[in-house]
Amino acid sequence: MEPLYQQTHKQVHEIQSHMGRLETADKQSLHLVENEIQASIDQIFSRLERLEILSSKEPPNKRQNAKLRVDQLKYDVQHLQTALRNFQHRRYAREQQERQREELLSRTFTTNDSDTTIPMDESLQFNSSLHSIHHGMDDLIGGGHSILEGLRAQRLTLKVGSLLENREKAFCFGLIQQFNSVYILIMCPPNIL
């Protein structure tokens, strides 16, 4: 296990030194350096799997120390992998900014058309739909109000009609309906109501 560990540890330090080359490499060789570092990281991960197996086979008094050393190597390699990804992400963002800058610089600008229109058709249609719904609701509420008033009048007619048995009562009821006033109730004789 020890020779494999030493080899892997040495390779981790080599990758760390190669990471510095990423910042100084030109655009043509940058991809080659990235691919080389990624290949080395992948190789170290496969060695770490083997080291984990070997560390579990160490004698009990050395096993914990061996696992700790392998875990530290694994942490270092994961840190290198993250650093490489961060570098690649920054490079992609920088390249995209350069492309956008070039597009803006190469773009030819023209004056605005004389027919400048603002697409408001959907907004106007939505607004008019809301207004028609609002008026429709007002009509619906008004219709409901008139229906309720009609039901109240029918209720009063049925109630008074069932109480009335002679013509005097019908005459007073006609006056009540016609004028819909409290004063007419006073004119009717008390025995009618």
C-alpha atoms as a PDB file:
ATOM      1  CA  MET A   1       0.000   0.000   0.000  1.00  0.00           C
ATOM      2  CA  GLU A   2       2.798   2.410   0.862  1.00  0.00           C
ATOM      3  CA  PRO A   3       4.354   2.607  -2.644  1.00  0.00           C
ATOM      4  CA  LEU A   4       0.938   3.231  -4.228  1.00  0.00           C
ATOM      5  CA  TYR A   5       0.181   5.887  -1.624  1.00  0.00           C
ATOM      6  CA  GLN A   6       3.523   7.634  -2.252  1.00  0.00           C
ATOM      7  CA  GLN A   7       2.979   7.530  -5.999  1.00  0.00           C
ATOM      8  CA  THR A   8      -0.535   8.987  -5.646  1.00  0.00           C
ATOM      9  CA  HIS A   9       0.642  11.649  -3.204  1.00  0.00           C
ATOM     10  CA  LYS A  10       3.404  12.667  -5.632  1.00  0.00           C
ATOM     11  CA  GLN A  11       0.908  12.865  -8.490  1.00  0.00           C
ATOM     12  CA  VAL A  12      -1.393  15.122  -6.404  1.00  0.00           C
ATOM     13  CA  HIS A  13       1.504  17.547  -5.904  1.00  0.00           C
ATOM     14  CA  GLU A  14       2.279  17.455  -9.634  1.00  0.00           C
ATOM     15  CA  ILE A  15      -1.332  18.355 -10.425  1.00  0.00           C
ATOM     16  CA  GLN A  16      -1.158  21.232  -7.969  1.00  0.00           C
ATOM     17  CA  SER A  17       1.882  22.598  -9.805  1.00  0.00           C
ATOM     18  CA  HIS A  18       0.115  22.106 -13.171  1.00  0.00           C
ATOM     19  CA  MET A  19      -2.840  24.149 -11.924  1.00  0.00           C
ATOM     20  CA  GLY A  20      -0.521  27.184 -11.957  1.00  0.00           C
ATOM     21  CA  ARG A  21       0.113  26.559 -15.649  1.00  0.00           C
ATOM     22  CA  LEU A  22      -3.571  27.047 -16.370  1.00  0.00           C
ATOM     23  CA  GLU A  23      -3.335  30.757 -15.617  1.00  0.00           C
ATOM     24  CA  THR A  24      -0.301  31.309 -17.853  1.00  0.00           C
ATOM     25  CA  ALA A  25      -1.162  29.010 -20.776  1.00  0.00           C
ATOM     26  CA  ASP A  26      -2.174  30.528 -24.104  1.00  0.00           C
ATOM     27  CA  LYS A  27      -5.577  29.807 -25.625  1.00  0.00           C
ATOM     28  CA  GLN A  28      -4.357  27.035 -27.945  1.00  0.00           C
ATOM     29  CA  SER A  29      -2.575  24.995 -25.274  1.00  0.00           C
ATOM     30  CA  LEU A  30      -5.099  25.727 -22.510  1.00  0.00           C
ATOM     31  CA  HIS A  31      -7.417  22.894 -23.566  1.00  0.00           C
ATOM     32  CA  LEU A  32      -4.497  20.476 -23.666  1.00  0.00           C
ATOM     33  CA  VAL A  33      -3.419  21.416 -20.136  1.00  0.00           C
ATOM     34  CA  GLU A  34      -7.011  21.096 -18.857  1.00  0.00           C
ATOM     35  CA  ASN A  35      -7.381  17.663 -20.475  1.00  0.00           C
ATOM     36  CA  GLU A  36      -4.039  16.540 -19.041  1.00  0.00           C
ATOM     37  CA  ILE A  37      -5.004  17.648 -15.532  1.00  0.00           C
ATOM     38  CA  GLN A  38      -8.424  16.001 -15.819  1.00  0.00           C
ATOM     39  CA  ALA A  39      -6.855  12.734 -16.976  1.00  0.00           C
ATOM     40  CA  SER A  40      -4.457  12.813 -14.017  1.00  0.00           C
ATOM     41  CA  ILE A  41      -7.328  13.474 -11.601  1.00  0.00           C
ATOM     42  CA  ASP A  42      -9.300  10.551 -13.046  1.00  0.00           C
ATOM     43  CA  GLN A  43      -6.246   8.311 -12.683  1.00  0.00           C
ATOM     44  CA  ILE A  44      -5.830   9.379  -9.049  1.00  0.00           C
ATOM     45  CA  PHE A  45      -9.489   8.592  -8.329  1.00  0.00           C
ATOM     46  CA  SER A  46      -8.995   5.046  -9.632  1.00  0.00           C
ATOM     47  CA  ARG A  47      -5.872   4.704  -7.472  1.00  0.00           C
ATOM     48  CA  LEU A  48      -7.797   5.976  -4.466  1.00  0.00           C
ATOM     49  CA  GLU A  49     -10.350   3.212  -4.889  1.00  0.00           C
ATOM     50  CA  ARG A  50      -7.515   0.697  -4.809  1.00  0.00           C
ATOM     51  CA  LEU A  51      -5.978   2.455  -1.785  1.00  0.00           C
ATOM     52  CA  GLU A  52      -9.299   2.266   0.095  1.00  0.00           C
ATOM     53  CA  ILE A  53      -9.403  -1.478  -0.464  1.00  0.00           C
ATOM     54  CA  LEU A  54      -5.782  -1.860   0.637  1.00  0.00           C
ATOM     55  CA  SER A  55      -6.287   0.338   3.716  1.00  0.00           C
ATOM     56  CA  SER A  56      -9.137  -1.887   4.884  1.00  0.00           C
ATOM     57  CA  LYS A  57      -6.743  -4.858   4.682  1.00  0.00           C
ATOM     58  CA  GLU A  58      -4.091  -3.230   6.893  1.00  0.00           C
ATOM     59  CA  PRO A  59      -3.485  -4.617  10.386  1.00  0.00           C
ATOM     60  CA  PRO A  60      -5.940  -3.219  12.955  1.00  0.00           C
ATOM     61  CA  ASN A  61      -3.333  -1.016  14.646  1.00  0.00           C
ATOM     62  CA  LYS A  62      -2.441   0.699  11.303  1.00  0.00           C
ATOM     63  CA  ARG A  63      -5.872   0.596   9.640  1.00  0.00           C
ATOM     64  CA  GLN A  64      -7.257   3.826  11.079  1.00  0.00           C
ATOM     65  CA  ASN A  65      -4.129   5.784  10.202  1.00  0.00           C
ATOM     66  CA  ALA A  66      -4.104   4.342   6.664  1.00  0.00           C
ATOM     67  CA  LYS A  67      -7.778   5.226   6.133  1.00  0.00           C
ATOM     68  CA  LEU A  68      -7.146   8.717   7.434  1.00  0.00           C
ATOM     69  CA  ARG A  69      -4.267   9.219   4.965  1.00  0.00           C
ATOM     70  CA  VAL A  70      -6.411   7.920   2.063  1.00  0.00           C
ATOM     71  CA  ASP A  71      -9.299  10.193   3.087  1.00  0.00           C
ATOM     72  CA  GLN A  72      -6.923  13.170   3.156  1.00  0.00           C
ATOM     73  CA  LEU A  73      -5.714  12.326  -0.352  1.00  0.00           C
ATOM     74  CA  LYS A  74      -9.319  11.969  -1.516  1.00  0.00           C
ATOM     75  CA  TYR A  75     -10.139  15.374  -0.048  1.00  0.00           C
ATOM     76  CA  ASP A  76      -7.126  16.946  -1.785  1.00  0.00           C
ATOM     77  CA  VAL A  77      -8.104  15.434  -5.135  1.00  0.00           C
ATOM     78  CA  GLN A  78     -11.722  16.574  -4.773  1.00  0.00           C
ATOM     79  CA  HIS A  79     -10.411  20.056  -3.987  1.00  0.00           C
ATOM     80  CA  LEU A  80      -8.295  19.952  -7.167  1.00  0.00           C
ATOM     81  CA  GLN A  81     -11.295  18.764  -9.202  1.00  0.00           C
ATOM     82  CA  THR A  82     -13.389  21.659  -7.862  1.00  0.00           C
ATOM     83  CA  ALA A  83     -10.614  24.150  -8.601  1.00  0.00           C
ATOM     84  CA  LEU A  84     -10.376  22.862 -12.186  1.00  0.00           C
ATOM     85  CA  ARG A  85     -14.135  23.148 -12.676  1.00  0.00           C
ATOM     86  CA  ASN A  86     -14.144  26.671 -11.254  1.00  0.00           C
ATOM     87  CA  PHE A  87     -11.336  27.646 -13.616  1.00  0.00           C
ATOM     88  CA  GLN A  88     -13.225  26.163 -16.576  1.00  0.00           C
ATOM     89  CA  HIS A  89     -16.398  27.976 -15.551  1.00  0.00           C
ATOM     90  CA  ARG A  90     -14.559  31.310 -15.336  1.00  0.00           C
ATOM     91  CA  ARG A  91     -12.925  30.632 -18.708  1.00  0.00           C
ATOM     92  CA  TYR A  92     -16.293  29.829 -20.341  1.00  0.00           C
ATOM     93  CA  ALA A  93     -17.810  33.015 -18.880  1.00  0.00           C
ATOM     94  CA  ARG A  94     -14.843  35.077 -20.069  1.00  0.00           C
ATOM     95  CA  GLU A  95     -15.053  33.580 -23.578  1.00  0.00           C
ATOM     96  CA  GLN A  96     -18.777  34.266 -23.730  1.00  0.00           C
ATOM     97  CA  GLN A  97     -18.213  37.881 -22.698  1.00  0.00           C
ATOM     98  CA  GLU A  98     -15.583  38.241 -25.405  1.00  0.00           C
ATOM     99  CA  ARG A  99     -17.957  36.787 -28.015  1.00  0.00           C
ATOM    100  CA  GLN A 100     -20.730  39.153 -26.940  1.00  0.00           C
ATOM    101  CA  ARG A 101     -18.334  42.101 -27.026  1.00  0.00           C
ATOM    102  CA  GLU A 102     -17.218  41.155 -30.541  1.00  0.00           C
ATOM    103  CA  GLU A 103     -20.825  40.814 -31.669  1.00  0.00           C
ATOM    104  CA  LEU A 104     -21.623  44.271 -30.335  1.00  0.00           C
ATOM    105  CA  LEU A 105     -18.565  45.799 -31.965  1.00  0.00           C
ATOM    106  CA  SER A 106     -19.256  44.171 -35.325  1.00  0.00           C
ATOM    107  CA  ARG A 107     -22.949  45.054 -35.310  1.00  0.00           C
ATOM    108  CA  THR A 108     -24.063  47.870 -37.554  1.00  0.00           C
ATOM    109  CA  PHE A 109     -26.658  50.132 -36.067  1.00  0.00           C
ATOM    110  CA  THR A 110     -29.350  51.830 -38.129  1.00  0.00           C
ATOM    111  CA  THR A 111     -31.873  54.499 -37.342  1.00  0.00           C
ATOM    112  CA  ASN A 112     -35.266  53.546 -36.077  1.00  0.00           C
ATOM    113  CA  ASP A 113     -38.027  52.876 -38.542  1.00  0.00           C
ATOM    114  CA  SER A 114     -40.533  55.636 -39.085  1.00  0.00           C
ATOM    115  CA  ASP A 115     -43.278  53.185 -38.166  1.00  0.00           C
ATOM    116  CA  THR A 116     -42.506  52.597 -34.533  1.00  0.00           C
ATOM    117  CA  THR A 117     -45.207  50.435 -33.048  1.00  0.00           C
ATOM    118  CA  ILE A 118     -45.623  49.084 -29.604  1.00  0.00           C
ATOM    119  CA  PRO A 119     -47.255  45.655 -29.445  1.00  0.00           C
ATOM    120  CA  MET A 120     -50.138  46.360 -27.085  1.00  0.00           C
ATOM    121  CA  ASP A 121     -52.829  44.272 -28.758  1.00  0.00           C
ATOM    122  CA  GLU A 122     -52.842  41.594 -26.087  1.00  0.00           C
ATOM    123  CA  SER A 123     -52.922  44.158 -23.259  1.00  0.00           C
ATOM    124  CA  LEU A 124     -55.771  46.084 -24.856  1.00  0.00           C
ATOM    125  CA  GLN A 125     -57.714  42.915 -25.524  1.00  0.00           C
ATOM    126  CA  PHE A 126     -57.221  41.813 -21.916  1.00  0.00           C
ATOM    127  CA  ASN A 127     -58.315  45.229 -20.628  1.00  0.00           C
ATOM    128  CA  SER A 128     -61.445  45.291 -22.798  1.00  0.00           C
ATOM    129  CA  SER A 129     -62.282  41.750 -21.674  1.00  0.00           C
ATOM    130  CA  LEU A 130     -62.020  42.849 -18.050  1.00  0.00           C
ATOM    131  CA  HIS A 131     -64.327  45.811 -18.714  1.00  0.00           C
ATOM    132  CA  SER A 132     -66.928  43.641 -20.436  1.00  0.00           C
ATOM    133  CA  ILE A 133     -66.788  41.147 -17.560  1.00  0.00           C
ATOM    134  CA  HIS A 134     -67.233  44.024 -15.110  1.00  0.00           C
ATOM    135  CA  HIS A 135     -70.314  45.304 -16.978  1.00  0.00           C
ATOM    136  CA  GLY A 136     -71.660  41.773 -17.253  1.00  0.00           C
ATOM    137  CA  MET A 137     -71.357  41.336 -13.495  1.00  0.00           C
ATOM    138  CA  ASP A 138     -73.153  44.655 -12.939  1.00  0.00           C
ATOM    139  CA  ASP A 139     -75.982  43.497 -15.220  1.00  0.00           C
ATOM    140  CA  LEU A 140     -76.127  40.166 -13.399  1.00  0.00           C
ATOM    141  CA  ILE A 141     -76.316  41.874 -10.002  1.00  0.00           C
ATOM    142  CA  GLY A 142     -78.995  44.285 -11.291  1.00  0.00           C
ATOM    143  CA  GLY A 143     -81.038  41.372 -12.659  1.00  0.00           C
ATOM    144  CA  GLY A 144     -80.733  39.557  -9.352  1.00  0.00           C
ATOM    145  CA  HIS A 145     -81.879  42.687  -7.506  1.00  0.00           C
ATOM    146  CA  SER A 146     -84.978  43.044  -9.690  1.00  0.00           C
ATOM    147  CA  ILE A 147     -85.771  39.332  -9.250  1.00  0.00           C
ATOM    148  CA  LEU A 148     -85.551  39.718  -5.477  1.00  0.00           C
ATOM    149  CA  GLU A 149     -87.816  42.788  -5.571  1.00  0.00           C
ATOM    150  CA  GLY A 150     -90.349  40.843  -7.642  1.00  0.00           C
ATOM    151  CA  LEU A 151     -90.252  37.964  -5.174  1.00  0.00           C
ATOM    152  CA  ARG A 152     -90.799  40.357  -2.282  1.00  0.00           C
ATOM    153  CA  ALA A 153     -93.837  41.862  -4.033  1.00  0.00           C
ATOM    154  CA  GLN A 154     -95.230  38.389  -4.777  1.00  0.00           C
ATOM    155  CA  ARG A 155     -94.716  37.378  -1.168  1.00  0.00           C
ATOM    156  CA  LEU A 156     -96.597  40.453   0.024  1.00  0.00           C
ATOM    157  CA  THR A 157     -99.390  39.786  -2.483  1.00  0.00           C
ATOM    158  CA  LEU A 158     -99.741  36.170  -1.420  1.00  0.00           C
ATOM    159  CA  LYS A 159     -99.563  37.028   2.248  1.00  0.00           C
ATOM    160  CA  VAL A 160    -102.192  39.782   2.088  1.00  0.00           C
ATOM    161  CA  GLY A 161    -104.352  37.836  -0.382  1.00  0.00           C
ATOM    162  CA  SER A 162    -104.557  34.892   1.963  1.00  0.00           C
ATOM    163  CA  LEU A 163    -105.557  37.207   4.795  1.00  0.00           C
ATOM    164  CA  LEU A 164    -108.156  39.079   2.777  1.00  0.00           C
ATOM    165  CA  GLU A 165    -111.578  37.580   2.633  1.00  0.00           C
ATOM    166  CA  ASN A 166    -113.753  40.399   1.461  1.00  0.00           C
ATOM    167  CA  ARG A 167    -113.677  43.305  -0.956  1.00  0.00           C
ATOM    168  CA  GLU A 168    -112.822  45.957   1.583  1.00  0.00           C
ATOM    169  CA  LYS A 169    -109.592  44.225   2.318  1.00  0.00           C
ATOM    170  CA  ALA A 170    -108.866  43.862  -1.398  1.00  0.00           C
ATOM    171  CA  PHE A 171    -109.545  47.567  -1.933  1.00  0.00           C
ATOM    172  CA  CYS A 172    -107.147  48.586   0.857  1.00  0.00           C
ATOM    173  CA  PHE A 173    -104.559  46.148  -0.472  1.00  0.00           C
ATOM    174  CA  GLY A 174    -104.884  47.726  -3.923  1.00  0.00           C
ATOM    175  CA  LEU A 175    -104.221  51.119  -2.419  1.00  0.00           C
ATOM    176  CA  ILE A 176    -101.232  49.774  -0.496  1.00  0.00           C
ATOM    177  CA  GLN A 177     -99.799  48.280  -3.641  1.00  0.00           C
ATOM    178  CA  GLN A 178    -100.510  51.333  -5.735  1.00  0.00           C
ATOM    179  CA  PHE A 179     -98.909  53.882  -3.457  1.00  0.00           C
ATOM    180  CA  ASN A 180     -96.610  51.643  -1.426  1.00  0.00           C
ATOM    181  CA  SER A 181     -96.864  54.039   1.492  1.00  0.00           C
ATOM    182  CA  VAL A 182     -97.326  53.748   5.209  1.00  0.00           C
ATOM    183  CA  TYR A 183     -99.952  56.488   5.209  1.00  0.00           C
ATOM    184  CA  ILE A 184    -102.450  54.445   3.261  1.00  0.00           C
ATOM    185  CA  LEU A 185    -102.326  51.750   5.910  1.00  0.00           C
ATOM    186  CA  ILE A 186    -103.540  54.331   8.356  1.00  0.00           C
ATOM    187  CA  MET A 187    -106.618  55.090   6.172  1.00  0.00           C
ATOM    188  CA  CYS A 188    -107.734  51.487   6.180  1.00  0.00           C
ATOM    189  CA  PRO A 189    -109.978  50.530   9.054  1.00  0.00           C
ATOM    190  CA  PRO A 190    -108.156  48.539  11.756  1.00  0.00           C
ATOM    191  CA  ASN A 191    -110.435  45.544  11.456  1.00  0.00           C
ATOM    192  CA  ILE A 192    -109.293  45.038   7.811  1.00  0.00           C
ATOM    193  CA  LEU A 193    -105.651  44.538   8.622  1.00  0.00           C
END
